[in-house]
Structures are given as C-alpha cells and as structure tokens.
Amino acid sequence: MQDPVYPIRTTRKRTTQRKGARKMAASPGKPAPRDAAKKAALRKKAAEAAKDAWKIIKVGFHFGDSRTRVAASKNGENLRLKETEFTHIVGTVKLKVPRGLIPKKSRVLYGEQAMKVLRQVDLRRPISMGLITDVKICRQFMNHVCSAIDAAGSERLWGVVSIPASAGPSEAQKVQRSLSTVLERLAIVPEPYLAAEGMQLDSGRT
C-alpha cells in the first residue's frame, strides 16, 4: 500500500509574508502635509462652532404690507422681545435741519420716530406689499430690526425670511443682499410654507 502524499509547507515564505504584513500595518502611510493641515483647520473650526453654539439666536422675519413681524428663540426657548413689529418707514434727516429738532443724534430715524418729524426727514419705504423696493434702505432697516433683537451685537443670528408666494428669483436675491451682512445664516421661504411650519407668524399680511 502506497503511503499518502502530503503537501510541503513553505514555512519560510509565509513567515516573510507575515513580517511584511506586520510592517505595513505598523507603519501606515503618512498623510500629505496639506491634507493634515486641512483636517486640523476643519477640527479647529468645528470646535469653535460648538463652543459658540449657545450664542445662536434663531429669528423669523415676516415681511407684511406695512410692517415686519419678528419672532426669535434661543436654545429652544422663545425670547421676549421689547418690540416685535417694525413699520416700514425709514426717515433720513435733511441736511439743513438743526440737530436740536431731532429726538436722536442719529441722522436716520425709523417708524414712529420718523413720522413725528415729517418736515425734517425724507421718508422712504424699504418694503412694500412684502417686496423689497430699495436694497440699500432695506439693509439699514434690517440693521435696525436686528439691533432690537441683539443690541450688543455679540450673538449669532440665524434667520428665516418669508416672501410672498408670487415672488421670483430676483426678489430672493434682494433679500439675500439686504440681510447677508446682518445674519450669519439665511433661509428664504415662501410665505405659505412658513405659515404651515408653525413659525407663530400669521399667513395674512399686516
């Protein structure tokens, strides 16, 4: 009876392969310097964002016919604002008017303050029928509105703005240009969707 034939084991080659595999596992490829610097910058940015997350104030703006309504929350709790409605009136003080006739030292007045000194100011409406009429004036107006929410300017404002359903892309661009310097983040939503999401802002204009 013939003896069975067993395969010959190549122990030396296996050992060499194992050593090579261990060497590759022990010393993985080092990332490129640019990739490492990019990852470090992203980690630093994420850490800073997490650190200042408690400063975020989420604001909803509703552009009405004659007034803008505002609702704000921070850390999931609604903020009690001293003023929640802002009339769409910006008054620029005329050049020849003495400062003693103006209630404030500022050369720009808003809302009721501008209405009280009609003869001394040039009135402009930044928003009409929910649409922006002048980007520059609207930017001044929205700076005034946001200063009522964060007077110190130390918070991070994230905003949602409602625009009429009939507004087109050009109107969305006007909103972005008016608020890009005021808000850290901005979302533009058609008015019916904002009302449906329960933002505590009436769907009807005021």
C-alpha atoms as a PDB file:
ATOM      1  CA  MET A   1       0.000   0.000   0.000  1.00  0.00           C
ATOM      2  CA  GLN A   2       1.417   3.342  -1.064  1.00  0.00           C
ATOM      3  CA  ASP A   3       1.946   5.990   1.610  1.00  0.00           C
ATOM      4  CA  PRO A   4      -0.214   9.150   1.285  1.00  0.00           C
ATOM      5  CA  VAL A   5       1.458  12.221  -0.171  1.00  0.00           C
ATOM      6  CA  TYR A   6       1.245  15.373   1.956  1.00  0.00           C
ATOM      7  CA  PRO A   7       1.828  18.874   0.574  1.00  0.00           C
ATOM      8  CA  ILE A   8       5.081  20.528   1.530  1.00  0.00           C
ATOM      9  CA  ARG A   9       4.602  23.618   3.675  1.00  0.00           C
ATOM     10  CA  THR A  10       6.610  26.689   2.685  1.00  0.00           C
ATOM     11  CA  THR A  11       7.166  27.959   6.199  1.00  0.00           C
ATOM     12  CA  ARG A  12       9.902  30.402   5.273  1.00  0.00           C
ATOM     13  CA  LYS A  13       7.832  32.228   2.661  1.00  0.00           C
ATOM     14  CA  ARG A  14       4.808  32.540   4.971  1.00  0.00           C
ATOM     15  CA  THR A  15       6.945  33.946   7.718  1.00  0.00           C
ATOM     16  CA  THR A  16       8.317  36.519   5.318  1.00  0.00           C
ATOM     17  CA  GLN A  17       4.841  37.470   4.175  1.00  0.00           C
ATOM     18  CA  ARG A  18       3.612  37.825   7.754  1.00  0.00           C
ATOM     19  CA  LYS A  19       6.538  40.049   8.656  1.00  0.00           C
ATOM     20  CA  GLY A  20       5.863  42.216   5.631  1.00  0.00           C
ATOM     21  CA  ALA A  21       2.161  42.485   6.533  1.00  0.00           C
ATOM     22  CA  ARG A  22       3.002  43.380  10.135  1.00  0.00           C
ATOM     23  CA  LYS A  23       5.437  46.004   8.946  1.00  0.00           C
ATOM     24  CA  MET A  24       2.828  47.580   6.682  1.00  0.00           C
ATOM     25  CA  ALA A  25       0.207  47.543   9.475  1.00  0.00           C
ATOM     26  CA  ALA A  26       2.620  49.042  11.978  1.00  0.00           C
ATOM     27  CA  SER A  27       3.684  51.901   9.717  1.00  0.00           C
ATOM     28  CA  PRO A  28       0.665  53.141   7.749  1.00  0.00           C
ATOM     29  CA  GLY A  29       1.170  55.718   5.036  1.00  0.00           C
ATOM     30  CA  LYS A  30       1.562  59.226   6.437  1.00  0.00           C
ATOM     31  CA  PRO A  31      -0.952  61.797   5.176  1.00  0.00           C
ATOM     32  CA  ALA A  32       0.289  64.595   2.983  1.00  0.00           C
ATOM     33  CA  PRO A  33       1.155  67.849   4.818  1.00  0.00           C
ATOM     34  CA  ARG A  34      -1.616  69.739   3.028  1.00  0.00           C
ATOM     35  CA  ASP A  35      -4.247  67.144   3.987  1.00  0.00           C
ATOM     36  CA  ALA A  36      -3.108  67.169   7.621  1.00  0.00           C
ATOM     37  CA  ALA A  37      -3.252  70.978   7.775  1.00  0.00           C
ATOM     38  CA  LYS A  38      -6.699  70.971   6.170  1.00  0.00           C
ATOM     39  CA  LYS A  39      -8.027  68.420   8.661  1.00  0.00           C
ATOM     40  CA  ALA A  40      -6.565  70.369  11.569  1.00  0.00           C
ATOM     41  CA  ALA A  41      -8.241  73.571  10.327  1.00  0.00           C
ATOM     42  CA  LEU A  42     -11.587  71.784   9.989  1.00  0.00           C
ATOM     43  CA  ARG A  43     -11.294  70.366  13.516  1.00  0.00           C
ATOM     44  CA  LYS A  44     -10.473  73.814  14.880  1.00  0.00           C
ATOM     45  CA  LYS A  45     -13.414  75.365  13.041  1.00  0.00           C
ATOM     46  CA  ALA A  46     -15.795  72.667  14.323  1.00  0.00           C
ATOM     47  CA  ALA A  47     -14.553  73.167  17.879  1.00  0.00           C
ATOM     48  CA  GLU A  48     -15.093  76.934  17.679  1.00  0.00           C
ATOM     49  CA  ALA A  49     -18.586  76.452  16.234  1.00  0.00           C
ATOM     50  CA  ALA A  50     -19.508  74.046  19.047  1.00  0.00           C
ATOM     51  CA  LYS A  51     -18.113  76.450  21.634  1.00  0.00           C
ATOM     52  CA  ASP A  52     -20.280  79.350  20.388  1.00  0.00           C
ATOM     53  CA  ALA A  53     -23.388  77.257  19.691  1.00  0.00           C
ATOM     54  CA  TRP A  54     -25.129  78.672  22.760  1.00  0.00           C
ATOM     55  CA  LYS A  55     -24.899  82.165  21.228  1.00  0.00           C
ATOM     56  CA  ILE A  56     -27.132  81.282  18.288  1.00  0.00           C
ATOM     57  CA  ILE A  57     -30.448  83.149  18.078  1.00  0.00           C
ATOM     58  CA  LYS A  58     -32.920  81.870  15.502  1.00  0.00           C
ATOM     59  CA  VAL A  59     -35.100  84.627  14.074  1.00  0.00           C
ATOM     60  CA  GLY A  60     -38.165  84.537  11.846  1.00  0.00           C
ATOM     61  CA  PHE A  61     -38.979  87.605   9.729  1.00  0.00           C
ATOM     62  CA  HIS A  62     -42.346  88.159   8.090  1.00  0.00           C
ATOM     63  CA  PHE A  63     -42.480  90.985   5.538  1.00  0.00           C
ATOM     64  CA  GLY A  64     -46.005  92.397   5.544  1.00  0.00           C
ATOM     65  CA  ASP A  65     -47.646  95.254   3.641  1.00  0.00           C
ATOM     66  CA  SER A  66     -46.658  97.976   6.096  1.00  0.00           C
ATOM     67  CA  ARG A  67     -44.817  96.213   8.941  1.00  0.00           C
ATOM     68  CA  THR A  68     -42.278  93.473   9.529  1.00  0.00           C
ATOM     69  CA  ARG A  69     -43.063  90.999  12.282  1.00  0.00           C
ATOM     70  CA  VAL A  70     -40.326  89.207  14.179  1.00  0.00           C
ATOM     71  CA  ALA A  71     -40.160  86.094  16.392  1.00  0.00           C
ATOM     72  CA  ALA A  72     -36.945  84.811  17.978  1.00  0.00           C
ATOM     73  CA  SER A  73     -35.759  81.851  20.050  1.00  0.00           C
ATOM     74  CA  LYS A  74     -32.547  80.800  21.760  1.00  0.00           C
ATOM     75  CA  ASN A  75     -31.652  77.288  22.890  1.00  0.00           C
ATOM     76  CA  GLY A  76     -35.206  76.168  22.130  1.00  0.00           C
ATOM     77  CA  GLU A  77     -36.865  78.872  24.250  1.00  0.00           C
ATOM     78  CA  ASN A  78     -38.814  81.813  22.838  1.00  0.00           C
ATOM     79  CA  LEU A  79     -37.312  85.225  23.511  1.00  0.00           C
ATOM     80  CA  ARG A  80     -39.458  88.048  24.831  1.00  0.00           C
ATOM     81  CA  LEU A  81     -38.647  90.988  22.606  1.00  0.00           C
ATOM     82  CA  LYS A  82     -39.474  94.560  23.557  1.00  0.00           C
ATOM     83  CA  GLU A  83     -40.650  95.157  20.016  1.00  0.00           C
ATOM     84  CA  THR A  84     -41.996  92.562  17.593  1.00  0.00           C
ATOM     85  CA  GLU A  85     -43.431  94.801  14.852  1.00  0.00           C
ATOM     86  CA  PHE A  86     -41.480  97.360  12.855  1.00  0.00           C
ATOM     87  CA  THR A  87     -43.139  99.850  10.500  1.00  0.00           C
ATOM     88  CA  HIS A  88     -41.684 100.016   7.010  1.00  0.00           C
ATOM     89  CA  ILE A  89     -40.570 103.638   7.251  1.00  0.00           C
ATOM     90  CA  VAL A  90     -37.016 104.978   7.129  1.00  0.00           C
ATOM     91  CA  GLY A  91     -36.529 108.710   7.534  1.00  0.00           C
ATOM     92  CA  THR A  92     -33.269 110.382   6.550  1.00  0.00           C
ATOM     93  CA  VAL A  93     -32.777 113.726   8.269  1.00  0.00           C
ATOM     94  CA  LYS A  94     -32.456 116.629   5.857  1.00  0.00           C
ATOM     95  CA  LEU A  95     -29.101 118.391   5.730  1.00  0.00           C
ATOM     96  CA  LYS A  96     -30.276 121.844   6.840  1.00  0.00           C
ATOM     97  CA  VAL A  97     -32.241 120.615   9.852  1.00  0.00           C
ATOM     98  CA  PRO A  98     -30.636 121.541  13.220  1.00  0.00           C
ATOM     99  CA  ARG A  99     -29.888 118.573  15.457  1.00  0.00           C
ATOM    100  CA  GLY A 100     -31.920 120.122  18.263  1.00  0.00           C
ATOM    101  CA  LEU A 101     -35.122 119.378  16.356  1.00  0.00           C
ATOM    102  CA  ILE A 102     -34.317 115.667  16.089  1.00  0.00           C
ATOM    103  CA  PRO A 103     -35.124 113.409  19.062  1.00  0.00           C
ATOM    104  CA  LYS A 104     -31.994 111.312  18.465  1.00  0.00           C
ATOM    105  CA  LYS A 105     -28.457 112.193  17.400  1.00  0.00           C
ATOM    106  CA  SER A 106     -28.700 109.736  14.512  1.00  0.00           C
ATOM    107  CA  ARG A 107     -29.309 111.089  11.021  1.00  0.00           C
ATOM    108  CA  VAL A 108     -31.645 108.149  10.280  1.00  0.00           C
ATOM    109  CA  LEU A 109     -34.951 107.563  12.064  1.00  0.00           C
ATOM    110  CA  TYR A 110     -37.330 104.611  11.842  1.00  0.00           C
ATOM    111  CA  GLY A 111     -41.058 104.052  12.163  1.00  0.00           C
ATOM    112  CA  GLU A 112     -42.972 106.279  14.551  1.00  0.00           C
ATOM    113  CA  GLN A 113     -39.929 108.398  15.367  1.00  0.00           C
ATOM    114  CA  ALA A 114     -39.634 109.397  11.721  1.00  0.00           C
ATOM    115  CA  MET A 115     -43.379 110.083  11.487  1.00  0.00           C
ATOM    116  CA  LYS A 116     -43.166 112.581  14.359  1.00  0.00           C
ATOM    117  CA  VAL A 117     -40.788 114.832  12.419  1.00  0.00           C
ATOM    118  CA  LEU A 118     -42.199 114.582   8.906  1.00  0.00           C
ATOM    119  CA  ARG A 119     -40.969 118.018   7.835  1.00  0.00           C
ATOM    120  CA  GLN A 120     -37.389 117.331   8.881  1.00  0.00           C
ATOM    121  CA  VAL A 121     -36.878 113.963   7.160  1.00  0.00           C
ATOM    122  CA  ASP A 122     -37.089 112.360   3.753  1.00  0.00           C
ATOM    123  CA  LEU A 123     -39.275 109.281   4.107  1.00  0.00           C
ATOM    124  CA  ARG A 124     -38.589 106.030   2.273  1.00  0.00           C
ATOM    125  CA  ARG A 125     -40.327 102.653   2.355  1.00  0.00           C
ATOM    126  CA  PRO A 126     -37.824  99.792   2.178  1.00  0.00           C
ATOM    127  CA  ILE A 127     -40.553  97.150   1.821  1.00  0.00           C
ATOM    128  CA  SER A 128     -43.956  97.385   0.176  1.00  0.00           C
ATOM    129  CA  MET A 129     -46.524  94.609  -0.204  1.00  0.00           C
ATOM    130  CA  GLY A 130     -43.965  92.162   1.156  1.00  0.00           C
ATOM    131  CA  LEU A 131     -41.429  93.032  -1.563  1.00  0.00           C
ATOM    132  CA  ILE A 132     -38.182  94.964  -1.190  1.00  0.00           C
ATOM    133  CA  THR A 133     -38.238  98.301  -3.014  1.00  0.00           C
ATOM    134  CA  ASP A 134     -34.699  99.504  -2.222  1.00  0.00           C
ATOM    135  CA  VAL A 135     -31.878  97.171  -1.158  1.00  0.00           C
ATOM    136  CA  LYS A 136     -29.736  99.888   0.444  1.00  0.00           C
ATOM    137  CA  ILE A 137     -32.592 101.317   2.508  1.00  0.00           C
ATOM    138  CA  CYS A 138     -33.790  97.821   3.397  1.00  0.00           C
ATOM    139  CA  ARG A 139     -30.297  96.945   4.654  1.00  0.00           C
ATOM    140  CA  GLN A 140     -30.438  99.947   7.004  1.00  0.00           C
ATOM    141  CA  PHE A 141     -33.929  98.973   8.114  1.00  0.00           C
ATOM    142  CA  MET A 142     -32.959  95.351   8.829  1.00  0.00           C
ATOM    143  CA  ASN A 143     -29.897  96.506  10.789  1.00  0.00           C
ATOM    144  CA  HIS A 144     -32.315  98.484  12.954  1.00  0.00           C
ATOM    145  CA  VAL A 145     -34.598  95.462  13.383  1.00  0.00           C
ATOM    146  CA  CYS A 146     -31.739  93.128  14.324  1.00  0.00           C
ATOM    147  CA  SER A 147     -30.323  95.647  16.799  1.00  0.00           C
ATOM    148  CA  ALA A 148     -33.613  95.361  18.680  1.00  0.00           C
ATOM    149  CA  ILE A 149     -33.009  91.602  18.954  1.00  0.00           C
ATOM    150  CA  ASP A 150     -29.302  91.732  19.780  1.00  0.00           C
ATOM    151  CA  ALA A 151     -28.377  95.237  20.907  1.00  0.00           C
ATOM    152  CA  ALA A 152     -24.814  94.296  21.882  1.00  0.00           C
ATOM    153  CA  GLY A 153     -24.137  92.525  18.604  1.00  0.00           C
ATOM    154  CA  SER A 154     -22.484  89.621  20.411  1.00  0.00           C
ATOM    155  CA  GLU A 155     -24.888  86.879  19.338  1.00  0.00           C
ATOM    156  CA  ARG A 156     -25.002  84.770  16.179  1.00  0.00           C
ATOM    157  CA  LEU A 157     -28.207  85.399  14.245  1.00  0.00           C
ATOM    158  CA  TRP A 158     -29.700  82.706  12.012  1.00  0.00           C
ATOM    159  CA  GLY A 159     -32.742  83.899  10.122  1.00  0.00           C
ATOM    160  CA  VAL A 160     -35.721  82.647   8.139  1.00  0.00           C
ATOM    161  CA  VAL A 161     -37.431  85.210   5.920  1.00  0.00           C
ATOM    162  CA  SER A 162     -40.866  84.775   4.396  1.00  0.00           C
ATOM    163  CA  ILE A 163     -41.535  86.214   0.964  1.00  0.00           C
ATOM    164  CA  PRO A 164     -44.802  86.246  -0.995  1.00  0.00           C
ATOM    165  CA  ALA A 165     -45.545  83.128  -2.999  1.00  0.00           C
ATOM    166  CA  SER A 166     -45.574  85.210  -6.185  1.00  0.00           C
ATOM    167  CA  ALA A 167     -42.009  86.480  -5.640  1.00  0.00           C
ATOM    168  CA  GLY A 168     -39.419  85.292  -8.132  1.00  0.00           C
ATOM    169  CA  PRO A 169     -35.669  84.638  -8.002  1.00  0.00           C
ATOM    170  CA  SER A 170     -34.860  88.363  -8.300  1.00  0.00           C
ATOM    171  CA  GLU A 171     -36.754  89.066  -5.093  1.00  0.00           C
ATOM    172  CA  ALA A 172     -34.860  86.306  -3.277  1.00  0.00           C
ATOM    173  CA  GLN A 173     -31.611  87.931  -4.409  1.00  0.00           C
ATOM    174  CA  LYS A 174     -32.760  91.264  -2.984  1.00  0.00           C
ATOM    175  CA  VAL A 175     -33.481  89.618   0.368  1.00  0.00           C
ATOM    176  CA  GLN A 176     -30.069  87.981   0.386  1.00  0.00           C
ATOM    177  CA  ARG A 177     -28.300  91.247  -0.433  1.00  0.00           C
ATOM    178  CA  SER A 178     -30.254  93.085   2.273  1.00  0.00           C
ATOM    179  CA  LEU A 179     -29.572  90.568   5.050  1.00  0.00           C
ATOM    180  CA  SER A 180     -26.232  88.981   4.164  1.00  0.00           C
ATOM    181  CA  THR A 181     -24.314  91.466   6.336  1.00  0.00           C
ATOM    182  CA  VAL A 182     -26.690  91.081   9.291  1.00  0.00           C
ATOM    183  CA  LEU A 183     -27.341  87.336   9.530  1.00  0.00           C
ATOM    184  CA  GLU A 184     -24.791  84.551   9.768  1.00  0.00           C
ATOM    185  CA  ARG A 185     -27.180  82.137   8.068  1.00  0.00           C
ATOM    186  CA  LEU A 186     -30.244  82.887   5.995  1.00  0.00           C
ATOM    187  CA  ALA A 187     -33.094  80.789   4.629  1.00  0.00           C
ATOM    188  CA  ILE A 188     -35.714  82.274   2.304  1.00  0.00           C
ATOM    189  CA  VAL A 189     -39.090  80.529   2.422  1.00  0.00           C
ATOM    190  CA  PRO A 190     -42.348  81.289   0.569  1.00  0.00           C
ATOM    191  CA  GLU A 191     -44.977  82.679   2.896  1.00  0.00           C
ATOM    192  CA  PRO A 192     -47.441  79.720   2.765  1.00  0.00           C
ATOM    193  CA  TYR A 193     -44.721  77.223   3.769  1.00  0.00           C
ATOM    194  CA  LEU A 194     -43.599  79.387   6.676  1.00  0.00           C
ATOM    195  CA  ALA A 195     -47.178  79.592   7.963  1.00  0.00           C
ATOM    196  CA  ALA A 196     -47.586  75.834   7.586  1.00  0.00           C
ATOM    197  CA  GLU A 197     -44.455  75.172   9.644  1.00  0.00           C
ATOM    198  CA  GLY A 198     -45.987  76.986  12.634  1.00  0.00           C
ATOM    199  CA  MET A 199     -43.486  79.813  12.977  1.00  0.00           C
ATOM    200  CA  GLN A 200     -46.013  81.838  15.027  1.00  0.00           C
ATOM    201  CA  LEU A 201     -46.285  84.304  12.190  1.00  0.00           C
ATOM    202  CA  ASP A 202     -49.711  84.781  10.619  1.00  0.00           C
ATOM    203  CA  SER A 203     -50.058  83.885   6.967  1.00  0.00           C
ATOM    204  CA  GLY A 204     -52.084  87.054   6.387  1.00  0.00           C
ATOM    205  CA  ARG A 205     -50.118  90.255   5.904  1.00  0.00           C
ATOM    206  CA  THR A 206     -50.273  93.125   8.364  1.00  0.00           C
END
